[in-house]
Amino acid sequence: MISGVVDDGVVAGARLTDLVSLGVLASSVPRDVVDEVIVAAGRQAKRSDGKLPPHVMVYFVMAMALFATEDY
């Protein structure tokens, strides 16, 4: 679907999901806010066994909700 770059650096014909990353969510919803919500829900990380930490999963779920109608 990507067809070329226009003058301002934006890729012409690109889908929104091609241009947005989890970094945008992280800059919009601060990590300390996410951590407070995780603690309030009682879902802090209990151990380090290779699983993704709770804050990463929160950002992942927010991204899934934002792009629920997009193909993956």
PDB file of N, CA and C in Angstrom:
ATOM      1  N   MET A   1       0.805  -1.195   0.000  1.00  0.00           N
ATOM      2  CA  MET A   1       0.000   0.000   0.000  1.00  0.00           C
ATOM      3  C   MET A   1       0.855   1.269   0.000  1.00  0.00           C
ATOM      4  N   ILE A   2       2.093   1.190   0.431  1.00  0.00           N
ATOM      5  CA  ILE A   2       2.978   2.350   0.434  1.00  0.00           C
ATOM      6  C   ILE A   2       3.442   2.608  -0.999  1.00  0.00           C
ATOM      7  N   SER A   3       3.281   3.867  -1.443  1.00  0.00           N
ATOM      8  CA  SER A   3       3.575   4.128  -2.848  1.00  0.00           C
ATOM      9  C   SER A   3       4.672   5.144  -3.088  1.00  0.00           C
ATOM     10  N   GLY A   4       5.072   5.921  -2.107  1.00  0.00           N
ATOM     11  CA  GLY A   4       6.126   6.901  -2.342  1.00  0.00           C
ATOM     12  C   GLY A   4       6.157   7.960  -1.263  1.00  0.00           C
ATOM     13  N   VAL A   5       7.248   8.681  -1.193  1.00  0.00           N
ATOM     14  CA  VAL A   5       7.420   9.718  -0.185  1.00  0.00           C
ATOM     15  C   VAL A   5       7.109  11.072  -0.811  1.00  0.00           C
ATOM     16  N   VAL A   6       6.314  11.864  -0.115  1.00  0.00           N
ATOM     17  CA  VAL A   6       6.023  13.225  -0.570  1.00  0.00           C
ATOM     18  C   VAL A   6       7.013  14.182   0.093  1.00  0.00           C
ATOM     19  N   ASP A   7       6.947  15.460  -0.243  1.00  0.00           N
ATOM     20  CA  ASP A   7       7.944  16.439   0.184  1.00  0.00           C
ATOM     21  C   ASP A   7       8.161  16.548   1.685  1.00  0.00           C
ATOM     22  N   ASP A   8       7.117  16.427   2.492  1.00  0.00           N
ATOM     23  CA  ASP A   8       7.272  16.632   3.936  1.00  0.00           C
ATOM     24  C   ASP A   8       7.702  15.373   4.688  1.00  0.00           C
ATOM     25  N   GLY A   9       8.101  14.323   3.982  1.00  0.00           N
ATOM     26  CA  GLY A   9       8.587  13.117   4.628  1.00  0.00           C
ATOM     27  C   GLY A   9       7.523  12.088   4.928  1.00  0.00           C
ATOM     28  N   VAL A  10       6.271  12.413   4.682  1.00  0.00           N
ATOM     29  CA  VAL A  10       5.181  11.479   4.912  1.00  0.00           C
ATOM     30  C   VAL A  10       5.075  10.552   3.712  1.00  0.00           C
ATOM     31  N   VAL A  11       4.853   9.300   3.971  1.00  0.00           N
ATOM     32  CA  VAL A  11       4.746   8.321   2.892  1.00  0.00           C
ATOM     33  C   VAL A  11       3.347   8.385   2.298  1.00  0.00           C
ATOM     34  N   ALA A  12       3.268   8.667   1.010  1.00  0.00           N
ATOM     35  CA  ALA A  12       1.978   8.749   0.331  1.00  0.00           C
ATOM     36  C   ALA A  12       1.380   7.352   0.214  1.00  0.00           C
ATOM     37  N   GLY A  13       0.115   7.228   0.532  1.00  0.00           N
ATOM     38  CA  GLY A  13      -0.572   5.953   0.414  1.00  0.00           C
ATOM     39  C   GLY A  13      -0.358   5.031   1.594  1.00  0.00           C
ATOM     40  N   ALA A  14       0.354   5.473   2.627  1.00  0.00           N
ATOM     41  CA  ALA A  14       0.614   4.633   3.799  1.00  0.00           C
ATOM     42  C   ALA A  14      -0.618   4.576   4.690  1.00  0.00           C
ATOM     43  N   ARG A  15      -0.776   3.436   5.332  1.00  0.00           N
ATOM     44  CA  ARG A  15      -1.856   3.294   6.310  1.00  0.00           C
ATOM     45  C   ARG A  15      -1.407   3.914   7.628  1.00  0.00           C
ATOM     46  N   LEU A  16      -2.358   4.347   8.435  1.00  0.00           N
ATOM     47  CA  LEU A  16      -2.040   4.943   9.726  1.00  0.00           C
ATOM     48  C   LEU A  16      -1.238   3.974  10.580  1.00  0.00           C
ATOM     49  N   THR A  17      -1.571   2.701  10.524  1.00  0.00           N
ATOM     50  CA  THR A  17      -0.859   1.713  11.327  1.00  0.00           C
ATOM     51  C   THR A  17       0.597   1.559  10.901  1.00  0.00           C
ATOM     52  N   ASP A  18       0.944   1.958   9.698  1.00  0.00           N
ATOM     53  CA  ASP A  18       2.330   1.914   9.252  1.00  0.00           C
ATOM     54  C   ASP A  18       3.143   3.069   9.830  1.00  0.00           C
ATOM     55  N   LEU A  19       2.482   4.120  10.238  1.00  0.00           N
ATOM     56  CA  LEU A  19       3.165   5.338  10.677  1.00  0.00           C
ATOM     57  C   LEU A  19       3.190   5.533  12.184  1.00  0.00           C
ATOM     58  N   VAL A  20       2.306   4.857  12.920  1.00  0.00           N
ATOM     59  CA  VAL A  20       2.182   5.055  14.360  1.00  0.00           C
ATOM     60  C   VAL A  20       2.838   3.888  15.087  1.00  0.00           C
ATOM     61  N   SER A  21       3.587   4.190  16.125  1.00  0.00           N
ATOM     62  CA  SER A  21       4.237   3.145  16.908  1.00  0.00           C
ATOM     63  C   SER A  21       3.787   3.240  18.360  1.00  0.00           C
ATOM     64  N   LEU A  22       4.212   2.281  19.148  1.00  0.00           N
ATOM     65  CA  LEU A  22       3.883   2.323  20.575  1.00  0.00           C
ATOM     66  C   LEU A  22       4.512   3.529  21.255  1.00  0.00           C
ATOM     67  N   GLY A  23       5.546   4.086  20.650  1.00  0.00           N
ATOM     68  CA  GLY A  23       6.170   5.278  21.210  1.00  0.00           C
ATOM     69  C   GLY A  23       5.222   6.461  21.271  1.00  0.00           C
ATOM     70  N   VAL A  24       4.311   6.544  20.319  1.00  0.00           N
ATOM     71  CA  VAL A  24       3.317   7.618  20.331  1.00  0.00           C
ATOM     72  C   VAL A  24       2.400   7.455  21.538  1.00  0.00           C
ATOM     73  N   LEU A  25       1.967   6.236  21.812  1.00  0.00           N
ATOM     74  CA  LEU A  25       1.142   5.992  22.990  1.00  0.00           C
ATOM     75  C   LEU A  25       1.911   6.298  24.269  1.00  0.00           C
ATOM     76  N   ALA A  26       3.163   5.881  24.306  1.00  0.00           N
ATOM     77  CA  ALA A  26       3.977   6.105  25.500  1.00  0.00           C
ATOM     78  C   ALA A  26       4.184   7.593  25.765  1.00  0.00           C
ATOM     79  N   SER A  27       4.254   8.390  24.713  1.00  0.00           N
ATOM     80  CA  SER A  27       4.415   9.831  24.923  1.00  0.00           C
ATOM     81  C   SER A  27       3.083  10.504  25.266  1.00  0.00           C
ATOM     82  N   SER A  28       1.971   9.871  24.902  1.00  0.00           N
ATOM     83  CA  SER A  28       0.652  10.433  25.197  1.00  0.00           C
ATOM     84  C   SER A  28       0.148  10.027  26.574  1.00  0.00           C
ATOM     85  N   VAL A  29       0.506   8.826  26.997  1.00  0.00           N
ATOM     86  CA  VAL A  29       0.100   8.311  28.310  1.00  0.00           C
ATOM     87  C   VAL A  29       1.383   8.008  29.076  1.00  0.00           C
ATOM     88  N   PRO A  30       1.741   8.861  30.017  1.00  0.00           N
ATOM     89  CA  PRO A  30       3.019   8.707  30.722  1.00  0.00           C
ATOM     90  C   PRO A  30       3.127   7.372  31.470  1.00  0.00           C
ATOM     91  N   ARG A  31       4.327   6.865  31.548  1.00  0.00           N
ATOM     92  CA  ARG A  31       4.582   5.577  32.206  1.00  0.00           C
ATOM     93  C   ARG A  31       4.133   5.587  33.660  1.00  0.00           C
ATOM     94  N   ASP A  32       4.333   6.713  34.379  1.00  0.00           N
ATOM     95  CA  ASP A  32       3.935   6.742  35.792  1.00  0.00           C
ATOM     96  C   ASP A  32       2.425   6.589  35.958  1.00  0.00           C
ATOM     97  N   VAL A  33       1.648   7.108  35.019  1.00  0.00           N
ATOM     98  CA  VAL A  33       0.189   6.938  35.062  1.00  0.00           C
ATOM     99  C   VAL A  33      -0.174   5.473  34.840  1.00  0.00           C
ATOM    100  N   VAL A  34       0.477   4.853  33.874  1.00  0.00           N
ATOM    101  CA  VAL A  34       0.242   3.435  33.603  1.00  0.00           C
ATOM    102  C   VAL A  34       0.604   2.602  34.829  1.00  0.00           C
ATOM    103  N   ASP A  35       1.752   2.903  35.455  1.00  0.00           N
ATOM    104  CA  ASP A  35       2.173   2.166  36.642  1.00  0.00           C
ATOM    105  C   ASP A  35       1.187   2.331  37.796  1.00  0.00           C
ATOM    106  N   GLU A  36       0.639   3.531  37.973  1.00  0.00           N
ATOM    107  CA  GLU A  36      -0.360   3.762  39.030  1.00  0.00           C
ATOM    108  C   GLU A  36      -1.608   2.916  38.800  1.00  0.00           C
ATOM    109  N   VAL A  37      -2.040   2.829  37.564  1.00  0.00           N
ATOM    110  CA  VAL A  37      -3.228   2.034  37.234  1.00  0.00           C
ATOM    111  C   VAL A  37      -2.957   0.545  37.467  1.00  0.00           C
ATOM    112  N   ILE A  38      -1.771   0.106  37.114  1.00  0.00           N
ATOM    113  CA  ILE A  38      -1.409  -1.303  37.320  1.00  0.00           C
ATOM    114  C   ILE A  38      -1.409  -1.641  38.804  1.00  0.00           C
ATOM    115  N   VAL A  39      -0.842  -0.753  39.622  1.00  0.00           N
ATOM    116  CA  VAL A  39      -0.823  -0.970  41.069  1.00  0.00           C
ATOM    117  C   VAL A  39      -2.249  -0.962  41.622  1.00  0.00           C
ATOM    118  N   ALA A  40      -3.082  -0.022  41.165  1.00  0.00           N
ATOM    119  CA  ALA A  40      -4.476   0.054  41.626  1.00  0.00           C
ATOM    120  C   ALA A  40      -5.257  -1.206  41.261  1.00  0.00           C
ATOM    121  N   ALA A  41      -4.899  -1.814  40.130  1.00  0.00           N
ATOM    122  CA  ALA A  41      -5.575  -3.051  39.706  1.00  0.00           C
ATOM    123  C   ALA A  41      -4.979  -4.285  40.379  1.00  0.00           C
ATOM    124  N   GLY A  42      -3.875  -4.102  41.098  1.00  0.00           N
ATOM    125  CA  GLY A  42      -3.241  -5.219  41.781  1.00  0.00           C
ATOM    126  C   GLY A  42      -2.553  -6.190  40.849  1.00  0.00           C
ATOM    127  N   ARG A  43      -2.011  -5.702  39.765  1.00  0.00           N
ATOM    128  CA  ARG A  43      -1.387  -6.571  38.758  1.00  0.00           C
ATOM    129  C   ARG A  43       0.089  -6.260  38.532  1.00  0.00           C
ATOM    130  N   GLN A  44       0.826  -5.924  39.582  1.00  0.00           N
ATOM    131  CA  GLN A  44       2.244  -5.644  39.433  1.00  0.00           C
ATOM    132  C   GLN A  44       2.984  -6.907  38.987  1.00  0.00           C
ATOM    133  N   ALA A  45       4.152  -6.689  38.420  1.00  0.00           N
ATOM    134  CA  ALA A  45       4.989  -7.828  38.016  1.00  0.00           C
ATOM    135  C   ALA A  45       5.466  -8.546  39.276  1.00  0.00           C
ATOM    136  N   LYS A  46       5.275  -9.849  39.297  1.00  0.00           N
ATOM    137  CA  LYS A  46       5.659 -10.629  40.474  1.00  0.00           C
ATOM    138  C   LYS A  46       7.035 -11.267  40.322  1.00  0.00           C
ATOM    139  N   ARG A  47       7.434 -11.549  39.096  1.00  0.00           N
ATOM    140  CA  ARG A  47       8.733 -12.182  38.880  1.00  0.00           C
ATOM    141  C   ARG A  47       9.232 -11.860  37.469  1.00  0.00           C
ATOM    142  N   SER A  48      10.473 -12.151  37.255  1.00  0.00           N
ATOM    143  CA  SER A  48      11.066 -11.924  35.942  1.00  0.00           C
ATOM    144  C   SER A  48      11.324 -13.277  35.284  1.00  0.00           C
ATOM    145  N   ASP A  49      10.370 -13.745  34.500  1.00  0.00           N
ATOM    146  CA  ASP A  49      10.512 -15.062  33.872  1.00  0.00           C
ATOM    147  C   ASP A  49      10.401 -14.984  32.355  1.00  0.00           C
ATOM    148  N   GLY A  50      10.760 -13.838  31.795  1.00  0.00           N
ATOM    149  CA  GLY A  50      10.732 -13.713  30.347  1.00  0.00           C
ATOM    150  C   GLY A  50       9.427 -13.195  29.789  1.00  0.00           C
ATOM    151  N   LYS A  51       8.412 -13.069  30.630  1.00  0.00           N
ATOM    152  CA  LYS A  51       7.139 -12.519  30.161  1.00  0.00           C
ATOM    153  C   LYS A  51       7.252 -11.007  30.041  1.00  0.00           C
ATOM    154  N   LEU A  52       6.407 -10.435  29.205  1.00  0.00           N
ATOM    155  CA  LEU A  52       6.418  -8.976  29.059  1.00  0.00           C
ATOM    156  C   LEU A  52       5.910  -8.330  30.342  1.00  0.00           C
ATOM    157  N   PRO A  53       6.523  -7.222  30.753  1.00  0.00           N
ATOM    158  CA  PRO A  53       6.075  -6.536  31.966  1.00  0.00           C
ATOM    159  C   PRO A  53       4.690  -5.912  31.774  1.00  0.00           C
ATOM    160  N   PRO A  54       3.978  -5.706  32.866  1.00  0.00           N
ATOM    161  CA  PRO A  54       2.610  -5.178  32.777  1.00  0.00           C
ATOM    162  C   PRO A  54       2.477  -3.872  32.005  1.00  0.00           C
ATOM    163  N   HIS A  55       3.436  -2.940  32.155  1.00  0.00           N
ATOM    164  CA  HIS A  55       3.292  -1.654  31.461  1.00  0.00           C
ATOM    165  C   HIS A  55       3.366  -1.836  29.945  1.00  0.00           C
ATOM    166  N   VAL A  56       4.163  -2.781  29.474  1.00  0.00           N
ATOM    167  CA  VAL A  56       4.239  -3.041  28.035  1.00  0.00           C
ATOM    168  C   VAL A  56       2.914  -3.606  27.539  1.00  0.00           C
ATOM    169  N   MET A  57       2.321  -4.481  28.316  1.00  0.00           N
ATOM    170  CA  MET A  57       1.038  -5.068  27.926  1.00  0.00           C
ATOM    171  C   MET A  57      -0.076  -4.020  27.905  1.00  0.00           C
ATOM    172  N   VAL A  58      -0.020  -3.048  28.805  1.00  0.00           N
ATOM    173  CA  VAL A  58      -1.021  -1.978  28.805  1.00  0.00           C
ATOM    174  C   VAL A  58      -0.934  -1.180  27.506  1.00  0.00           C
ATOM    175  N   TYR A  59       0.281  -0.800  27.111  1.00  0.00           N
ATOM    176  CA  TYR A  59       0.444  -0.071  25.853  1.00  0.00           C
ATOM    177  C   TYR A  59       0.019  -0.925  24.661  1.00  0.00           C
ATOM    178  N   PHE A  60       0.321  -2.206  24.702  1.00  0.00           N
ATOM    179  CA  PHE A  60      -0.065  -3.114  23.621  1.00  0.00           C
ATOM    180  C   PHE A  60      -1.586  -3.199  23.499  1.00  0.00           C
ATOM    181  N   VAL A  61      -2.276  -3.319  24.619  1.00  0.00           N
ATOM    182  CA  VAL A  61      -3.742  -3.397  24.598  1.00  0.00           C
ATOM    183  C   VAL A  61      -4.349  -2.081  24.116  1.00  0.00           C
ATOM    184  N   MET A  62      -3.765  -0.950  24.510  1.00  0.00           N
ATOM    185  CA  MET A  62      -4.265   0.339  24.015  1.00  0.00           C
ATOM    186  C   MET A  62      -4.109   0.415  22.496  1.00  0.00           C
ATOM    187  N   ALA A  63      -2.986  -0.050  21.981  1.00  0.00           N
ATOM    188  CA  ALA A  63      -2.764  -0.042  20.534  1.00  0.00           C
ATOM    189  C   ALA A  63      -3.756  -0.953  19.829  1.00  0.00           C
ATOM    190  N   MET A  64      -4.009  -2.111  20.405  1.00  0.00           N
ATOM    191  CA  MET A  64      -4.982  -3.022  19.800  1.00  0.00           C
ATOM    192  C   MET A  64      -6.372  -2.389  19.765  1.00  0.00           C
ATOM    193  N   ALA A  65      -6.728  -1.663  20.818  1.00  0.00           N
ATOM    194  CA  ALA A  65      -8.038  -1.012  20.860  1.00  0.00           C
ATOM    195  C   ALA A  65      -8.127   0.116  19.831  1.00  0.00           C
ATOM    196  N   LEU A  66      -7.042   0.864  19.657  1.00  0.00           N
ATOM    197  CA  LEU A  66      -7.052   1.959  18.692  1.00  0.00           C
ATOM    198  C   LEU A  66      -7.172   1.471  17.258  1.00  0.00           C
ATOM    199  N   PHE A  67      -6.603   0.315  16.973  1.00  0.00           N
ATOM    200  CA  PHE A  67      -6.580  -0.205  15.617  1.00  0.00           C
ATOM    201  C   PHE A  67      -7.383  -1.496  15.495  1.00  0.00           C
ATOM    202  N   ALA A  68      -8.477  -1.587  16.223  1.00  0.00           N
ATOM    203  CA  ALA A  68      -9.302  -2.810  16.252  1.00  0.00           C
ATOM    204  C   ALA A  68      -9.869  -3.166  14.884  1.00  0.00           C
ATOM    205  N   THR A  69     -10.095  -2.170  14.057  1.00  0.00           N
ATOM    206  CA  THR A  69     -10.715  -2.456  12.750  1.00  0.00           C
ATOM    207  C   THR A  69      -9.684  -2.672  11.647  1.00  0.00           C
ATOM    208  N   GLU A  70      -8.402  -2.534  11.979  1.00  0.00           N
ATOM    209  CA  GLU A  70      -7.343  -2.697  10.981  1.00  0.00           C
ATOM    210  C   GLU A  70      -6.939  -4.154  10.845  1.00  0.00           C
ATOM    211  N   ASP A  71      -6.493  -4.526   9.672  1.00  0.00           N
ATOM    212  CA  ASP A  71      -5.934  -5.857   9.450  1.00  0.00           C
ATOM    213  C   ASP A  71      -4.532  -5.907  10.050  1.00  0.00           C
ATOM    214  N   TYR A  72      -4.103  -7.090  10.386  1.00  0.00           N
ATOM    215  CA  TYR A  72      -2.751  -7.229  10.903  1.00  0.00           C
ATOM    216  C   TYR A  72      -1.993  -8.342  10.259  1.00  0.00           C
TER     217      TYR A  72
END
